[in-house]
Amino acid sequence: MTTAVADRTLNAVDRCDRCGAQAYVRVVLESSGGELLFCGHHARAVEATLRPMTSDWHDETGRLQEKEPALAD
């Protein structure tokens, strides 16, 4: 895995591996280096199980609380 892939910001093209919703969490598994993507809901659901097996847990769920800038008329 390259650093560029691990460090890039998730975007609307990245989809949750469980349900297909927009992904906000990227998980890199220690054993294989494989990558899993999850929406916030499914990341919370699997976190207790997966967190001990990961080398990186990249969480961008804080972006869900950000407000869009208002458009000027």
PDB file of N, CA and C in Angstrom:
ATOM      1  N   MET A   1       0.847  -1.171   0.000  1.00  0.00           N
ATOM      2  CA  MET A   1       0.000   0.000   0.000  1.00  0.00           C
ATOM      3  C   MET A   1       0.887   1.226   0.000  1.00  0.00           C
ATOM      4  N   THR A   2       0.486   2.230  -0.745  1.00  0.00           N
ATOM      5  CA  THR A   2       1.260   3.456  -0.782  1.00  0.00           C
ATOM      6  C   THR A   2       0.723   4.441   0.233  1.00  0.00           C
ATOM      7  N   THR A   3       1.587   5.353   0.664  1.00  0.00           N
ATOM      8  CA  THR A   3       1.181   6.368   1.631  1.00  0.00           C
ATOM      9  C   THR A   3       0.110   7.277   1.056  1.00  0.00           C
ATOM     10  N   ALA A   4       0.204   7.589  -0.225  1.00  0.00           N
ATOM     11  CA  ALA A   4      -0.772   8.473  -0.858  1.00  0.00           C
ATOM     12  C   ALA A   4      -2.183   7.922  -0.725  1.00  0.00           C
ATOM     13  N   VAL A   5      -2.355   6.620  -0.869  1.00  0.00           N
ATOM     14  CA  VAL A   5      -3.680   6.016  -0.739  1.00  0.00           C
ATOM     15  C   VAL A   5      -4.163   6.110   0.706  1.00  0.00           C
ATOM     16  N   ALA A   6      -3.313   5.811   1.656  1.00  0.00           N
ATOM     17  CA  ALA A   6      -3.704   5.813   3.062  1.00  0.00           C
ATOM     18  C   ALA A   6      -4.012   7.217   3.566  1.00  0.00           C
ATOM     19  N   ASP A   7      -3.370   8.239   3.007  1.00  0.00           N
ATOM     20  CA  ASP A   7      -3.536   9.597   3.509  1.00  0.00           C
ATOM     21  C   ASP A   7      -4.590  10.414   2.779  1.00  0.00           C
ATOM     22  N   ARG A   8      -5.105   9.936   1.680  1.00  0.00           N
ATOM     23  CA  ARG A   8      -6.049  10.756   0.926  1.00  0.00           C
ATOM     24  C   ARG A   8      -7.386  10.872   1.650  1.00  0.00           C
ATOM     25  N   THR A   9      -8.044  11.993   1.435  1.00  0.00           N
ATOM     26  CA  THR A   9      -9.352  12.239   2.028  1.00  0.00           C
ATOM     27  C   THR A   9     -10.395  11.396   1.305  1.00  0.00           C
ATOM     28  N   LEU A  10     -11.297  10.822   2.063  1.00  0.00           N
ATOM     29  CA  LEU A  10     -12.389  10.064   1.455  1.00  0.00           C
ATOM     30  C   LEU A  10     -13.333  11.038   0.760  1.00  0.00           C
ATOM     31  N   ASN A  11     -13.960  10.596  -0.324  1.00  0.00           N
ATOM     32  CA  ASN A  11     -14.891  11.463  -1.038  1.00  0.00           C
ATOM     33  C   ASN A  11     -16.151  10.683  -1.403  1.00  0.00           C
ATOM     34  N   ALA A  12     -17.038  11.305  -2.154  1.00  0.00           N
ATOM     35  CA  ALA A  12     -18.338  10.708  -2.474  1.00  0.00           C
ATOM     36  C   ALA A  12     -18.228   9.431  -3.294  1.00  0.00           C
ATOM     37  N   VAL A  13     -17.109   9.194  -3.948  1.00  0.00           N
ATOM     38  CA  VAL A  13     -16.917   7.979  -4.740  1.00  0.00           C
ATOM     39  C   VAL A  13     -16.630   6.781  -3.830  1.00  0.00           C
ATOM     40  N   ASP A  14     -16.072   7.036  -2.645  1.00  0.00           N
ATOM     41  CA  ASP A  14     -15.748   5.958  -1.698  1.00  0.00           C
ATOM     42  C   ASP A  14     -17.030   5.487  -1.019  1.00  0.00           C
ATOM     43  N   ARG A  15     -17.322   4.197  -1.127  1.00  0.00           N
ATOM     44  CA  ARG A  15     -18.581   3.648  -0.628  1.00  0.00           C
ATOM     45  C   ARG A  15     -18.338   2.613   0.461  1.00  0.00           C
ATOM     46  N   CYS A  16     -19.276   2.533   1.402  1.00  0.00           N
ATOM     47  CA  CYS A  16     -19.217   1.579   2.505  1.00  0.00           C
ATOM     48  C   CYS A  16     -19.274   0.155   1.952  1.00  0.00           C
ATOM     49  N   ASP A  17     -18.364  -0.692   2.447  1.00  0.00           N
ATOM     50  CA  ASP A  17     -18.336  -2.090   2.001  1.00  0.00           C
ATOM     51  C   ASP A  17     -19.526  -2.897   2.514  1.00  0.00           C
ATOM     52  N   ARG A  18     -20.241  -2.395   3.500  1.00  0.00           N
ATOM     53  CA  ARG A  18     -21.396  -3.122   4.043  1.00  0.00           C
ATOM     54  C   ARG A  18     -22.706  -2.725   3.367  1.00  0.00           C
ATOM     55  N   CYS A  19     -22.915  -1.405   3.153  1.00  0.00           N
ATOM     56  CA  CYS A  19     -24.239  -0.973   2.683  1.00  0.00           C
ATOM     57  C   CYS A  19     -24.223  -0.094   1.436  1.00  0.00           C
ATOM     58  N   GLY A  20     -23.058   0.362   1.010  1.00  0.00           N
ATOM     59  CA  GLY A  20     -22.982   1.191  -0.184  1.00  0.00           C
ATOM     60  C   GLY A  20     -23.164   2.674   0.049  1.00  0.00           C
ATOM     61  N   ALA A  21     -23.391   3.104   1.296  1.00  0.00           N
ATOM     62  CA  ALA A  21     -23.499   4.535   1.603  1.00  0.00           C
ATOM     63  C   ALA A  21     -22.114   5.173   1.490  1.00  0.00           C
ATOM     64  N   GLN A  22     -22.056   6.498   1.520  1.00  0.00           N
ATOM     65  CA  GLN A  22     -20.758   7.161   1.447  1.00  0.00           C
ATOM     66  C   GLN A  22     -19.882   6.738   2.624  1.00  0.00           C
ATOM     67  N   ALA A  23     -18.633   6.411   2.338  1.00  0.00           N
ATOM     68  CA  ALA A  23     -17.690   5.965   3.373  1.00  0.00           C
ATOM     69  C   ALA A  23     -17.044   7.164   4.056  1.00  0.00           C
ATOM     70  N   TYR A  24     -16.957   7.096   5.371  1.00  0.00           N
ATOM     71  CA  TYR A  24     -16.282   8.119   6.164  1.00  0.00           C
ATOM     72  C   TYR A  24     -15.173   7.524   7.027  1.00  0.00           C
ATOM     73  N   VAL A  25     -14.998   6.210   6.987  1.00  0.00           N
ATOM     74  CA  VAL A  25     -13.958   5.543   7.769  1.00  0.00           C
ATOM     75  C   VAL A  25     -13.216   4.561   6.870  1.00  0.00           C
ATOM     76  N   ARG A  26     -11.868   4.661   6.878  1.00  0.00           N
ATOM     77  CA  ARG A  26     -11.014   3.719   6.148  1.00  0.00           C
ATOM     78  C   ARG A  26     -10.241   2.915   7.182  1.00  0.00           C
ATOM     79  N   VAL A  27     -10.265   1.607   7.050  1.00  0.00           N
ATOM     80  CA  VAL A  27      -9.594   0.699   7.975  1.00  0.00           C
ATOM     81  C   VAL A  27      -8.549  -0.084   7.181  1.00  0.00           C
ATOM     82  N   VAL A  28      -7.315  -0.100   7.674  1.00  0.00           N
ATOM     83  CA  VAL A  28      -6.254  -0.889   7.043  1.00  0.00           C
ATOM     84  C   VAL A  28      -5.930  -2.034   7.986  1.00  0.00           C
ATOM     85  N   LEU A  29      -6.075  -3.261   7.500  1.00  0.00           N
ATOM     86  CA  LEU A  29      -5.835  -4.448   8.315  1.00  0.00           C
ATOM     87  C   LEU A  29      -4.340  -4.741   8.427  1.00  0.00           C
ATOM     88  N   GLU A  30      -3.894  -5.055   9.644  1.00  0.00           N
ATOM     89  CA  GLU A  30      -2.479  -5.353   9.889  1.00  0.00           C
ATOM     90  C   GLU A  30      -2.010  -6.587   9.134  1.00  0.00           C
ATOM     91  N   SER A  31      -2.779  -7.641   9.184  1.00  0.00           N
ATOM     92  CA  SER A  31      -2.335  -8.926   8.638  1.00  0.00           C
ATOM     93  C   SER A  31      -2.124  -8.898   7.127  1.00  0.00           C
ATOM     94  N   SER A  32      -3.031  -8.283   6.405  1.00  0.00           N
ATOM     95  CA  SER A  32      -2.953  -8.326   4.944  1.00  0.00           C
ATOM     96  C   SER A  32      -2.636  -6.985   4.309  1.00  0.00           C
ATOM     97  N   GLY A  33      -2.808  -5.907   5.075  1.00  0.00           N
ATOM     98  CA  GLY A  33      -2.649  -4.581   4.494  1.00  0.00           C
ATOM     99  C   GLY A  33      -3.856  -4.193   3.667  1.00  0.00           C
ATOM    100  N   GLY A  34      -4.888  -5.048   3.672  1.00  0.00           N
ATOM    101  CA  GLY A  34      -6.111  -4.769   2.926  1.00  0.00           C
ATOM    102  C   GLY A  34      -6.858  -3.585   3.519  1.00  0.00           C
ATOM    103  N   GLU A  35      -7.670  -2.963   2.705  1.00  0.00           N
ATOM    104  CA  GLU A  35      -8.404  -1.769   3.101  1.00  0.00           C
ATOM    105  C   GLU A  35      -9.904  -2.054   3.089  1.00  0.00           C
ATOM    106  N   LEU A  36     -10.590  -1.599   4.132  1.00  0.00           N
ATOM    107  CA  LEU A  36     -12.043  -1.672   4.204  1.00  0.00           C
ATOM    108  C   LEU A  36     -12.576  -0.257   4.376  1.00  0.00           C
ATOM    109  N   LEU A  37     -13.727   0.016   3.783  1.00  0.00           N
ATOM    110  CA  LEU A  37     -14.366   1.324   3.905  1.00  0.00           C
ATOM    111  C   LEU A  37     -15.730   1.143   4.557  1.00  0.00           C
ATOM    112  N   PHE A  38     -16.074   2.068   5.459  1.00  0.00           N
ATOM    113  CA  PHE A  38     -17.353   1.983   6.158  1.00  0.00           C
ATOM    114  C   PHE A  38     -18.005   3.351   6.284  1.00  0.00           C
ATOM    115  N   CYS A  39     -19.331   3.358   6.267  1.00  0.00           N
ATOM    116  CA  CYS A  39     -20.076   4.549   6.656  1.00  0.00           C
ATOM    117  C   CYS A  39     -19.904   4.687   8.176  1.00  0.00           C
ATOM    118  N   GLY A  40     -20.319   5.798   8.747  1.00  0.00           N
ATOM    119  CA  GLY A  40     -20.177   5.994  10.187  1.00  0.00           C
ATOM    120  C   GLY A  40     -20.909   4.931  10.991  1.00  0.00           C
ATOM    121  N   HIS A  41     -22.113   4.578  10.574  1.00  0.00           N
ATOM    122  CA  HIS A  41     -22.927   3.591  11.277  1.00  0.00           C
ATOM    123  C   HIS A  41     -22.221   2.235  11.344  1.00  0.00           C
ATOM    124  N   HIS A  42     -21.769   1.739  10.207  1.00  0.00           N
ATOM    125  CA  HIS A  42     -21.142   0.422  10.189  1.00  0.00           C
ATOM    126  C   HIS A  42     -19.740   0.430  10.812  1.00  0.00           C
ATOM    127  N   ALA A  43     -19.045   1.557  10.756  1.00  0.00           N
ATOM    128  CA  ALA A  43     -17.745   1.657  11.430  1.00  0.00           C
ATOM    129  C   ALA A  43     -17.926   1.489  12.937  1.00  0.00           C
ATOM    130  N   ARG A  44     -18.942   2.142  13.497  1.00  0.00           N
ATOM    131  CA  ARG A  44     -19.215   2.000  14.938  1.00  0.00           C
ATOM    132  C   ARG A  44     -19.626   0.566  15.268  1.00  0.00           C
ATOM    133  N   ALA A  45     -20.375  -0.068  14.366  1.00  0.00           N
ATOM    134  CA  ALA A  45     -20.862  -1.426  14.616  1.00  0.00           C
ATOM    135  C   ALA A  45     -19.727  -2.451  14.661  1.00  0.00           C
ATOM    136  N   VAL A  46     -18.655  -2.247  13.876  1.00  0.00           N
ATOM    137  CA  VAL A  46     -17.570  -3.230  13.810  1.00  0.00           C
ATOM    138  C   VAL A  46     -16.296  -2.785  14.535  1.00  0.00           C
ATOM    139  N   GLU A  47     -16.294  -1.577  15.076  1.00  0.00           N
ATOM    140  CA  GLU A  47     -15.063  -1.026  15.648  1.00  0.00           C
ATOM    141  C   GLU A  47     -14.465  -1.895  16.749  1.00  0.00           C
ATOM    142  N   ALA A  48     -15.253  -2.360  17.693  1.00  0.00           N
ATOM    143  CA  ALA A  48     -14.728  -3.155  18.805  1.00  0.00           C
ATOM    144  C   ALA A  48     -14.056  -4.437  18.313  1.00  0.00           C
ATOM    145  N   THR A  49     -14.574  -5.015  17.249  1.00  0.00           N
ATOM    146  CA  THR A  49     -14.008  -6.244  16.702  1.00  0.00           C
ATOM    147  C   THR A  49     -12.778  -5.976  15.834  1.00  0.00           C
ATOM    148  N   LEU A  50     -12.865  -4.972  14.962  1.00  0.00           N
ATOM    149  CA  LEU A  50     -11.797  -4.741  13.995  1.00  0.00           C
ATOM    150  C   LEU A  50     -10.625  -3.913  14.516  1.00  0.00           C
ATOM    151  N   ARG A  51     -10.882  -2.968  15.419  1.00  0.00           N
ATOM    152  CA  ARG A  51      -9.820  -2.042  15.848  1.00  0.00           C
ATOM    153  C   ARG A  51      -8.540  -2.768  16.281  1.00  0.00           C
ATOM    154  N   PRO A  52      -8.607  -3.864  17.053  1.00  0.00           N
ATOM    155  CA  PRO A  52      -7.370  -4.549  17.452  1.00  0.00           C
ATOM    156  C   PRO A  52      -6.599  -5.180  16.280  1.00  0.00           C
ATOM    157  N   MET A  53      -7.249  -5.350  15.138  1.00  0.00           N
ATOM    158  CA  MET A  53      -6.621  -5.985  13.979  1.00  0.00           C
ATOM    159  C   MET A  53      -6.133  -4.982  12.938  1.00  0.00           C
ATOM    160  N   THR A  54      -6.186  -3.687  13.248  1.00  0.00           N
ATOM    161  CA  THR A  54      -5.862  -2.684  12.243  1.00  0.00           C
ATOM    162  C   THR A  54      -4.521  -2.018  12.486  1.00  0.00           C
ATOM    163  N   SER A  55      -3.909  -1.586  11.389  1.00  0.00           N
ATOM    164  CA  SER A  55      -2.703  -0.772  11.487  1.00  0.00           C
ATOM    165  C   SER A  55      -3.062   0.699  11.344  1.00  0.00           C
ATOM    166  N   ASP A  56      -4.238   0.989  10.793  1.00  0.00           N
ATOM    167  CA  ASP A  56      -4.695   2.372  10.645  1.00  0.00           C
ATOM    168  C   ASP A  56      -6.220   2.402  10.679  1.00  0.00           C
ATOM    169  N   TRP A  57      -6.752   3.356  11.450  1.00  0.00           N
ATOM    170  CA  TRP A  57      -8.204   3.585  11.517  1.00  0.00           C
ATOM    171  C   TRP A  57      -8.398   5.061  11.206  1.00  0.00           C
ATOM    172  N   HIS A  58      -8.698   5.365   9.961  1.00  0.00           N
ATOM    173  CA  HIS A  58      -8.820   6.747   9.481  1.00  0.00           C
ATOM    174  C   HIS A  58     -10.292   7.141   9.520  1.00  0.00           C
ATOM    175  N   ASP A  59     -10.653   8.010  10.463  1.00  0.00           N
ATOM    176  CA  ASP A  59     -12.056   8.361  10.721  1.00  0.00           C
ATOM    177  C   ASP A  59     -12.327   9.809  10.317  1.00  0.00           C
ATOM    178  N   GLU A  60     -13.212   9.998   9.359  1.00  0.00           N
ATOM    179  CA  GLU A  60     -13.614  11.328   8.902  1.00  0.00           C
ATOM    180  C   GLU A  60     -15.079  11.617   9.230  1.00  0.00           C
ATOM    181  N   THR A  61     -15.649  10.913  10.203  1.00  0.00           N
ATOM    182  CA  THR A  61     -17.065  11.122  10.529  1.00  0.00           C
ATOM    183  C   THR A  61     -17.323  12.526  11.059  1.00  0.00           C
ATOM    184  N   GLY A  62     -16.315  13.227  11.525  1.00  0.00           N
ATOM    185  CA  GLY A  62     -16.485  14.615  11.962  1.00  0.00           C
ATOM    186  C   GLY A  62     -16.978  15.518  10.837  1.00  0.00           C
ATOM    187  N   ARG A  63     -16.709  15.125   9.592  1.00  0.00           N
ATOM    188  CA  ARG A  63     -17.188  15.906   8.450  1.00  0.00           C
ATOM    189  C   ARG A  63     -18.707  15.892   8.351  1.00  0.00           C
ATOM    190  N   LEU A  64     -19.363  14.923   8.975  1.00  0.00           N
ATOM    191  CA  LEU A  64     -20.821  14.858   8.925  1.00  0.00           C
ATOM    192  C   LEU A  64     -21.466  16.023   9.674  1.00  0.00           C
ATOM    193  N   GLN A  65     -20.746  16.622  10.609  1.00  0.00           N
ATOM    194  CA  GLN A  65     -21.264  17.735  11.399  1.00  0.00           C
ATOM    195  C   GLN A  65     -20.965  19.098  10.782  1.00  0.00           C
ATOM    196  N   GLU A  66     -20.105  19.144   9.766  1.00  0.00           N
ATOM    197  CA  GLU A  66     -19.747  20.405   9.119  1.00  0.00           C
ATOM    198  C   GLU A  66     -20.925  20.944   8.338  1.00  0.00           C
ATOM    199  N   LYS A  67     -21.095  22.272   8.399  1.00  0.00           N
ATOM    200  CA  LYS A  67     -22.174  22.912   7.648  1.00  0.00           C
ATOM    201  C   LYS A  67     -21.637  23.410   6.323  1.00  0.00           C
ATOM    202  N   GLU A  68     -22.466  23.302   5.297  1.00  0.00           N
ATOM    203  CA  GLU A  68     -22.109  23.828   3.989  1.00  0.00           C
ATOM    204  C   GLU A  68     -22.172  25.358   4.052  1.00  0.00           C
ATOM    205  N   PRO A  69     -21.270  26.057   3.379  1.00  0.00           N
ATOM    206  CA  PRO A  69     -21.360  27.515   3.357  1.00  0.00           C
ATOM    207  C   PRO A  69     -22.618  27.959   2.617  1.00  0.00           C
ATOM    208  N   ALA A  70     -23.245  29.010   3.128  1.00  0.00           N
ATOM    209  CA  ALA A  70     -24.463  29.530   2.505  1.00  0.00           C
ATOM    210  C   ALA A  70     -24.107  30.203   1.190  1.00  0.00           C
ATOM    211  N   LEU A  71     -24.954  30.015   0.182  1.00  0.00           N
ATOM    212  CA  LEU A  71     -24.734  30.649  -1.112  1.00  0.00           C
ATOM    213  C   LEU A  71     -25.228  32.079  -1.063  1.00  0.00           C
ATOM    214  N   ALA A  72     -24.462  32.995  -1.626  1.00  0.00           N
ATOM    215  CA  ALA A  72     -24.872  34.409  -1.691  1.00  0.00           C
ATOM    216  C   ALA A  72     -25.908  34.567  -2.788  1.00  0.00           C
ATOM    217  N   ASP A  73     -26.898  35.387  -2.541  1.00  0.00           N
ATOM    218  CA  ASP A  73     -27.937  35.647  -3.558  1.00  0.00           C
ATOM    219  C   ASP A  73     -27.455  36.645  -4.577  1.00  0.00           C
TER     220      ASP A  73
END
